[in-house]
Amino acid sequence: MPDWAGEGAAAAAAGGLTLALTLAGVLSRILYTELRGRIERAEQSLRRQVEAAEEALRLRVERAEGRIDEVHLRFARRDDIARELEGIRQAFAEVFAELRRANEGIAALRGESPSS
């Protein structure tokens, strides 16, 4: 086999390797862009859901605070007040339990520990 044939084969192999590496780079960039887009869409969706949940919980807290402000006006007897305060305490406990679960869910989605 002539010398130029071996050199040509080496050049062809080098060209093939260059082409393969270029294609691998292009494909990895396409995959990166696609995954990044999906992550951003998921983040936006999660943000909208969290904001809606926060708004709903904020309204519940405002209603509970309103109930606290009205207790002394609506109830004259001590046992009625104690019953109403227990209901308010339970309402706040539910709100804070939901907030804690939401924070744990967000932390899990972010890959953080719940105590962070």
N, C-alpha and C. Protein backbone atom coordinates (compact mmCIF):
# COMPACT_ATOMS: atom_id res chain seq x y z
N MET A 1 0.85 -1.16 0.00
CA MET A 1 0.00 0.00 0.00
C MET A 1 0.91 1.23 0.00
N PRO A 2 0.59 2.21 -0.86
CA PRO A 2 1.43 3.41 -0.94
C PRO A 2 1.34 4.23 0.35
N ASP A 3 2.36 5.05 0.60
CA ASP A 3 2.41 5.89 1.80
C ASP A 3 1.25 6.88 1.86
N TRP A 4 0.88 7.41 0.69
CA TRP A 4 -0.18 8.42 0.68
C TRP A 4 -1.53 7.83 1.07
N ALA A 5 -1.70 6.52 0.86
CA ALA A 5 -2.97 5.87 1.23
C ALA A 5 -3.10 5.80 2.75
N GLY A 6 -2.01 5.50 3.43
CA GLY A 6 -2.02 5.45 4.91
C GLY A 6 -2.26 6.83 5.49
N GLU A 7 -1.63 7.84 4.86
CA GLU A 7 -1.83 9.21 5.33
C GLU A 7 -3.27 9.65 5.10
N GLY A 8 -3.84 9.26 3.96
CA GLY A 8 -5.23 9.59 3.66
C GLY A 8 -6.19 8.94 4.65
N ALA A 9 -5.90 7.68 4.98
CA ALA A 9 -6.75 6.98 5.94
C ALA A 9 -6.68 7.64 7.31
N ALA A 10 -5.47 8.08 7.70
CA ALA A 10 -5.31 8.75 8.99
C ALA A 10 -6.06 10.08 8.99
N ALA A 11 -5.96 10.82 7.86
CA ALA A 11 -6.67 12.10 7.76
C ALA A 11 -8.18 11.87 7.80
N ALA A 12 -8.65 10.82 7.13
CA ALA A 12 -10.08 10.52 7.14
C ALA A 12 -10.54 10.14 8.54
N ALA A 13 -9.72 9.37 9.25
CA ALA A 13 -10.07 8.99 10.62
C ALA A 13 -10.11 10.22 11.53
N ALA A 14 -9.13 11.12 11.36
CA ALA A 14 -9.10 12.34 12.16
C ALA A 14 -10.32 13.20 11.84
N GLY A 15 -10.67 13.30 10.57
CA GLY A 15 -11.85 14.06 10.17
C GLY A 15 -13.13 13.45 10.73
N GLY A 16 -13.21 12.13 10.71
CA GLY A 16 -14.38 11.44 11.26
C GLY A 16 -14.51 11.68 12.76
N LEU A 17 -13.37 11.63 13.46
CA LEU A 17 -13.37 11.88 14.90
C LEU A 17 -13.81 13.31 15.19
N THR A 18 -13.30 14.26 14.41
CA THR A 18 -13.68 15.67 14.58
C THR A 18 -15.18 15.84 14.36
N LEU A 19 -15.70 15.22 13.31
CA LEU A 19 -17.12 15.30 13.02
C LEU A 19 -17.95 14.68 14.15
N ALA A 20 -17.51 13.53 14.64
CA ALA A 20 -18.24 12.85 15.73
C ALA A 20 -18.26 13.71 16.99
N LEU A 21 -17.10 14.33 17.31
CA LEU A 21 -17.04 15.18 18.50
C LEU A 21 -17.91 16.43 18.33
N THR A 22 -17.92 16.98 17.13
CA THR A 22 -18.76 18.15 16.86
C THR A 22 -20.23 17.80 17.01
N LEU A 23 -20.63 16.66 16.45
CA LEU A 23 -22.02 16.23 16.58
C LEU A 23 -22.40 15.96 18.04
N ALA A 24 -21.48 15.36 18.78
CA ALA A 24 -21.74 15.11 20.20
C ALA A 24 -21.92 16.43 20.94
N GLY A 25 -21.10 17.42 20.63
CA GLY A 25 -21.23 18.73 21.26
C GLY A 25 -22.55 19.40 20.92
N VAL A 26 -22.94 19.33 19.65
CA VAL A 26 -24.21 19.93 19.22
C VAL A 26 -25.38 19.23 19.90
N LEU A 27 -25.36 17.91 19.93
CA LEU A 27 -26.45 17.17 20.56
C LEU A 27 -26.52 17.45 22.06
N SER A 28 -25.37 17.54 22.71
CA SER A 28 -25.39 17.83 24.15
C SER A 28 -25.95 19.22 24.41
N ARG A 29 -25.65 20.17 23.56
CA ARG A 29 -26.19 21.53 23.71
C ARG A 29 -27.71 21.53 23.50
N ILE A 30 -28.19 20.79 22.52
CA ILE A 30 -29.63 20.69 22.28
C ILE A 30 -30.32 20.07 23.50
N LEU A 31 -29.75 18.99 24.03
CA LEU A 31 -30.34 18.34 25.21
C LEU A 31 -30.33 19.28 26.41
N TYR A 32 -29.22 19.98 26.60
CA TYR A 32 -29.10 20.93 27.71
C TYR A 32 -30.19 22.00 27.61
N THR A 33 -30.36 22.56 26.41
CA THR A 33 -31.35 23.61 26.20
C THR A 33 -32.76 23.08 26.47
N GLU A 34 -33.06 21.89 25.99
CA GLU A 34 -34.38 21.29 26.20
C GLU A 34 -34.65 21.05 27.68
N LEU A 35 -33.67 20.48 28.38
CA LEU A 35 -33.85 20.21 29.81
C LEU A 35 -33.98 21.50 30.60
N ARG A 36 -33.20 22.48 30.24
CA ARG A 36 -33.27 23.77 30.93
C ARG A 36 -34.66 24.39 30.75
N GLY A 37 -35.20 24.31 29.54
CA GLY A 37 -36.55 24.82 29.29
C GLY A 37 -37.59 24.09 30.12
N ARG A 38 -37.46 22.79 30.21
CA ARG A 38 -38.42 22.01 31.01
C ARG A 38 -38.34 22.39 32.48
N ILE A 39 -37.12 22.54 32.97
CA ILE A 39 -36.93 22.91 34.38
C ILE A 39 -37.53 24.29 34.64
N GLU A 40 -37.30 25.23 33.74
CA GLU A 40 -37.85 26.58 33.91
C GLU A 40 -39.37 26.56 33.89
N ARG A 41 -39.96 25.76 33.02
CA ARG A 41 -41.43 25.66 32.98
C ARG A 41 -41.96 25.05 34.28
N ALA A 42 -41.28 24.02 34.77
CA ALA A 42 -41.71 23.39 36.02
C ALA A 42 -41.58 24.38 37.18
N GLU A 43 -40.50 25.15 37.17
CA GLU A 43 -40.29 26.15 38.22
C GLU A 43 -41.41 27.20 38.19
N GLN A 44 -41.76 27.68 37.01
CA GLN A 44 -42.83 28.67 36.88
C GLN A 44 -44.16 28.11 37.36
N SER A 45 -44.44 26.88 36.99
CA SER A 45 -45.68 26.24 37.42
C SER A 45 -45.72 26.10 38.94
N LEU A 46 -44.61 25.64 39.52
CA LEU A 46 -44.53 25.49 40.96
C LEU A 46 -44.68 26.84 41.65
N ARG A 47 -44.04 27.87 41.11
CA ARG A 47 -44.13 29.21 41.69
C ARG A 47 -45.59 29.69 41.70
N ARG A 48 -46.30 29.48 40.58
CA ARG A 48 -47.71 29.90 40.53
C ARG A 48 -48.54 29.14 41.57
N GLN A 49 -48.29 27.85 41.72
CA GLN A 49 -49.04 27.06 42.69
C GLN A 49 -48.75 27.51 44.12
N VAL A 50 -47.47 27.78 44.41
CA VAL A 50 -47.08 28.21 45.76
C VAL A 50 -47.69 29.58 46.06
N GLU A 51 -47.64 30.49 45.08
CA GLU A 51 -48.22 31.82 45.29
C GLU A 51 -49.72 31.73 45.54
N ALA A 52 -50.41 30.87 44.81
CA ALA A 52 -51.85 30.69 45.03
C ALA A 52 -52.13 30.12 46.42
N ALA A 53 -51.32 29.14 46.83
CA ALA A 53 -51.49 28.55 48.16
C ALA A 53 -51.21 29.57 49.25
N GLU A 54 -50.15 30.37 49.07
CA GLU A 54 -49.83 31.41 50.05
C GLU A 54 -50.96 32.42 50.17
N GLU A 55 -51.54 32.81 49.04
CA GLU A 55 -52.65 33.77 49.06
C GLU A 55 -53.85 33.19 49.80
N ALA A 56 -54.18 31.93 49.53
CA ALA A 56 -55.30 31.29 50.21
C ALA A 56 -55.04 31.21 51.72
N LEU A 57 -53.82 30.85 52.09
CA LEU A 57 -53.49 30.75 53.52
C LEU A 57 -53.49 32.13 54.17
N ARG A 58 -53.03 33.14 53.44
CA ARG A 58 -53.03 34.51 53.98
C ARG A 58 -54.46 34.95 54.27
N LEU A 59 -55.39 34.64 53.36
CA LEU A 59 -56.79 35.00 53.59
C LEU A 59 -57.36 34.27 54.80
N ARG A 60 -56.98 33.00 54.97
CA ARG A 60 -57.45 32.25 56.13
C ARG A 60 -56.91 32.85 57.42
N VAL A 61 -55.65 33.28 57.41
CA VAL A 61 -55.05 33.91 58.59
C VAL A 61 -55.78 35.22 58.89
N GLU A 62 -56.07 36.00 57.85
CA GLU A 62 -56.80 37.26 58.07
C GLU A 62 -58.17 37.01 58.68
N ARG A 63 -58.86 35.98 58.18
CA ARG A 63 -60.17 35.65 58.75
C ARG A 63 -60.04 35.23 60.22
N ALA A 64 -59.01 34.43 60.51
CA ALA A 64 -58.80 34.00 61.90
C ALA A 64 -58.47 35.20 62.78
N GLU A 65 -57.66 36.12 62.27
CA GLU A 65 -57.34 37.32 63.04
C GLU A 65 -58.60 38.15 63.28
N GLY A 66 -59.46 38.21 62.27
CA GLY A 66 -60.73 38.92 62.43
C GLY A 66 -61.59 38.29 63.51
N ARG A 67 -61.58 36.98 63.56
CA ARG A 67 -62.34 36.28 64.60
C ARG A 67 -61.78 36.61 65.98
N ILE A 68 -60.47 36.71 66.09
CA ILE A 68 -59.86 37.06 67.38
C ILE A 68 -60.31 38.44 67.80
N ASP A 69 -60.31 39.38 66.86
CA ASP A 69 -60.71 40.75 67.18
C ASP A 69 -62.17 40.85 67.61
N GLU A 70 -63.01 39.94 67.13
CA GLU A 70 -64.44 39.99 67.43
C GLU A 70 -64.84 39.19 68.67
N VAL A 71 -63.92 38.44 69.24
CA VAL A 71 -64.27 37.54 70.34
C VAL A 71 -64.89 38.30 71.50
N HIS A 72 -64.25 39.37 71.92
CA HIS A 72 -64.74 40.07 73.11
C HIS A 72 -66.08 40.77 72.85
N LEU A 73 -66.39 41.04 71.58
CA LEU A 73 -67.66 41.68 71.25
C LEU A 73 -68.80 40.67 71.16
N ARG A 74 -68.50 39.47 70.71
CA ARG A 74 -69.56 38.49 70.45
C ARG A 74 -69.89 37.60 71.64
N PHE A 75 -68.94 37.44 72.52
CA PHE A 75 -69.17 36.47 73.61
C PHE A 75 -68.96 37.14 74.96
N ALA A 76 -69.93 36.96 75.83
CA ALA A 76 -69.82 37.58 77.15
C ALA A 76 -69.37 36.57 78.20
N ARG A 77 -69.71 35.34 78.02
CA ARG A 77 -69.38 34.35 79.04
C ARG A 77 -68.00 33.75 78.78
N ARG A 78 -67.32 33.45 79.87
CA ARG A 78 -65.95 32.94 79.80
C ARG A 78 -65.87 31.62 79.04
N ASP A 79 -66.79 30.71 79.23
CA ASP A 79 -66.72 29.41 78.55
C ASP A 79 -66.96 29.57 77.05
N ASP A 80 -67.80 30.52 76.64
CA ASP A 80 -67.98 30.78 75.21
C ASP A 80 -66.69 31.32 74.60
N ILE A 81 -66.03 32.21 75.33
CA ILE A 81 -64.77 32.77 74.83
C ILE A 81 -63.72 31.67 74.73
N ALA A 82 -63.64 30.81 75.73
CA ALA A 82 -62.66 29.72 75.69
C ALA A 82 -62.92 28.79 74.51
N ARG A 83 -64.19 28.49 74.24
CA ARG A 83 -64.53 27.64 73.10
C ARG A 83 -64.13 28.31 71.78
N GLU A 84 -64.43 29.59 71.66
CA GLU A 84 -64.08 30.31 70.44
C GLU A 84 -62.56 30.40 70.26
N LEU A 85 -61.84 30.65 71.35
CA LEU A 85 -60.38 30.70 71.26
C LEU A 85 -59.79 29.35 70.86
N GLU A 86 -60.38 28.27 71.33
CA GLU A 86 -59.92 26.94 70.93
C GLU A 86 -60.14 26.73 69.43
N GLY A 87 -61.29 27.18 68.92
CA GLY A 87 -61.54 27.09 67.48
C GLY A 87 -60.54 27.91 66.68
N ILE A 88 -60.21 29.08 67.19
CA ILE A 88 -59.22 29.94 66.52
C ILE A 88 -57.85 29.27 66.56
N ARG A 89 -57.50 28.70 67.72
CA ARG A 89 -56.21 28.02 67.84
C ARG A 89 -56.12 26.87 66.84
N GLN A 90 -57.19 26.12 66.71
CA GLN A 90 -57.20 25.02 65.75
C GLN A 90 -57.09 25.54 64.31
N ALA A 91 -57.74 26.67 64.02
CA ALA A 91 -57.64 27.24 62.67
C ALA A 91 -56.20 27.63 62.37
N PHE A 92 -55.54 28.27 63.35
CA PHE A 92 -54.14 28.64 63.15
C PHE A 92 -53.26 27.39 63.03
N ALA A 93 -53.55 26.37 63.83
CA ALA A 93 -52.76 25.13 63.76
C ALA A 93 -52.87 24.51 62.37
N GLU A 94 -54.07 24.53 61.78
CA GLU A 94 -54.25 23.99 60.43
C GLU A 94 -53.47 24.81 59.40
N VAL A 95 -53.53 26.13 59.54
CA VAL A 95 -52.81 27.00 58.60
C VAL A 95 -51.32 26.73 58.69
N PHE A 96 -50.79 26.68 59.91
CA PHE A 96 -49.35 26.48 60.05
C PHE A 96 -48.94 25.07 59.64
N ALA A 97 -49.80 24.10 59.83
CA ALA A 97 -49.49 22.74 59.36
C ALA A 97 -49.42 22.72 57.84
N GLU A 98 -50.34 23.42 57.18
CA GLU A 98 -50.30 23.49 55.72
C GLU A 98 -49.05 24.22 55.24
N LEU A 99 -48.70 25.31 55.93
CA LEU A 99 -47.47 26.02 55.56
C LEU A 99 -46.25 25.12 55.72
N ARG A 100 -46.20 24.37 56.81
CA ARG A 100 -45.07 23.48 57.04
C ARG A 100 -44.99 22.41 55.94
N ARG A 101 -46.16 21.83 55.58
CA ARG A 101 -46.16 20.82 54.51
C ARG A 101 -45.74 21.44 53.18
N ALA A 102 -46.21 22.66 52.92
CA ALA A 102 -45.83 23.33 51.67
C ALA A 102 -44.33 23.59 51.64
N ASN A 103 -43.78 24.04 52.77
CA ASN A 103 -42.33 24.30 52.83
C ASN A 103 -41.53 23.01 52.68
N GLU A 104 -42.01 21.93 53.27
CA GLU A 104 -41.33 20.65 53.12
C GLU A 104 -41.38 20.18 51.68
N GLY A 105 -42.54 20.36 51.03
CA GLY A 105 -42.67 19.98 49.62
C GLY A 105 -41.75 20.79 48.73
N ILE A 106 -41.68 22.09 48.99
CA ILE A 106 -40.79 22.96 48.20
C ILE A 106 -39.34 22.55 48.42
N ALA A 107 -38.98 22.32 49.68
CA ALA A 107 -37.61 21.91 49.97
C ALA A 107 -37.28 20.59 49.30
N ALA A 108 -38.23 19.66 49.29
CA ALA A 108 -37.99 18.37 48.64
C ALA A 108 -37.80 18.55 47.14
N LEU A 109 -38.59 19.42 46.53
CA LEU A 109 -38.44 19.68 45.09
C LEU A 109 -37.10 20.33 44.78
N ARG A 110 -36.63 21.16 45.71
CA ARG A 110 -35.33 21.82 45.51
C ARG A 110 -34.17 20.91 45.89
N GLY A 111 -34.46 19.81 46.55
CA GLY A 111 -33.40 18.89 46.97
C GLY A 111 -32.75 19.32 48.27
N GLU A 112 -33.45 20.17 49.04
CA GLU A 112 -32.92 20.64 50.31
C GLU A 112 -33.52 19.81 51.44
N SER A 113 -32.91 19.96 52.63
CA SER A 113 -33.50 19.31 53.79
C SER A 113 -34.62 20.21 54.31
N PRO A 114 -35.69 19.67 54.90
CA PRO A 114 -36.83 20.46 55.36
C PRO A 114 -36.46 21.50 56.40
N SER A 115 -35.37 21.30 57.16
CA SER A 115 -34.99 22.25 58.20
C SER A 115 -34.29 23.47 57.66
N SER A 116 -33.94 23.49 56.37
CA SER A 116 -33.22 24.64 55.79
C SER A 116 -34.12 25.82 55.65
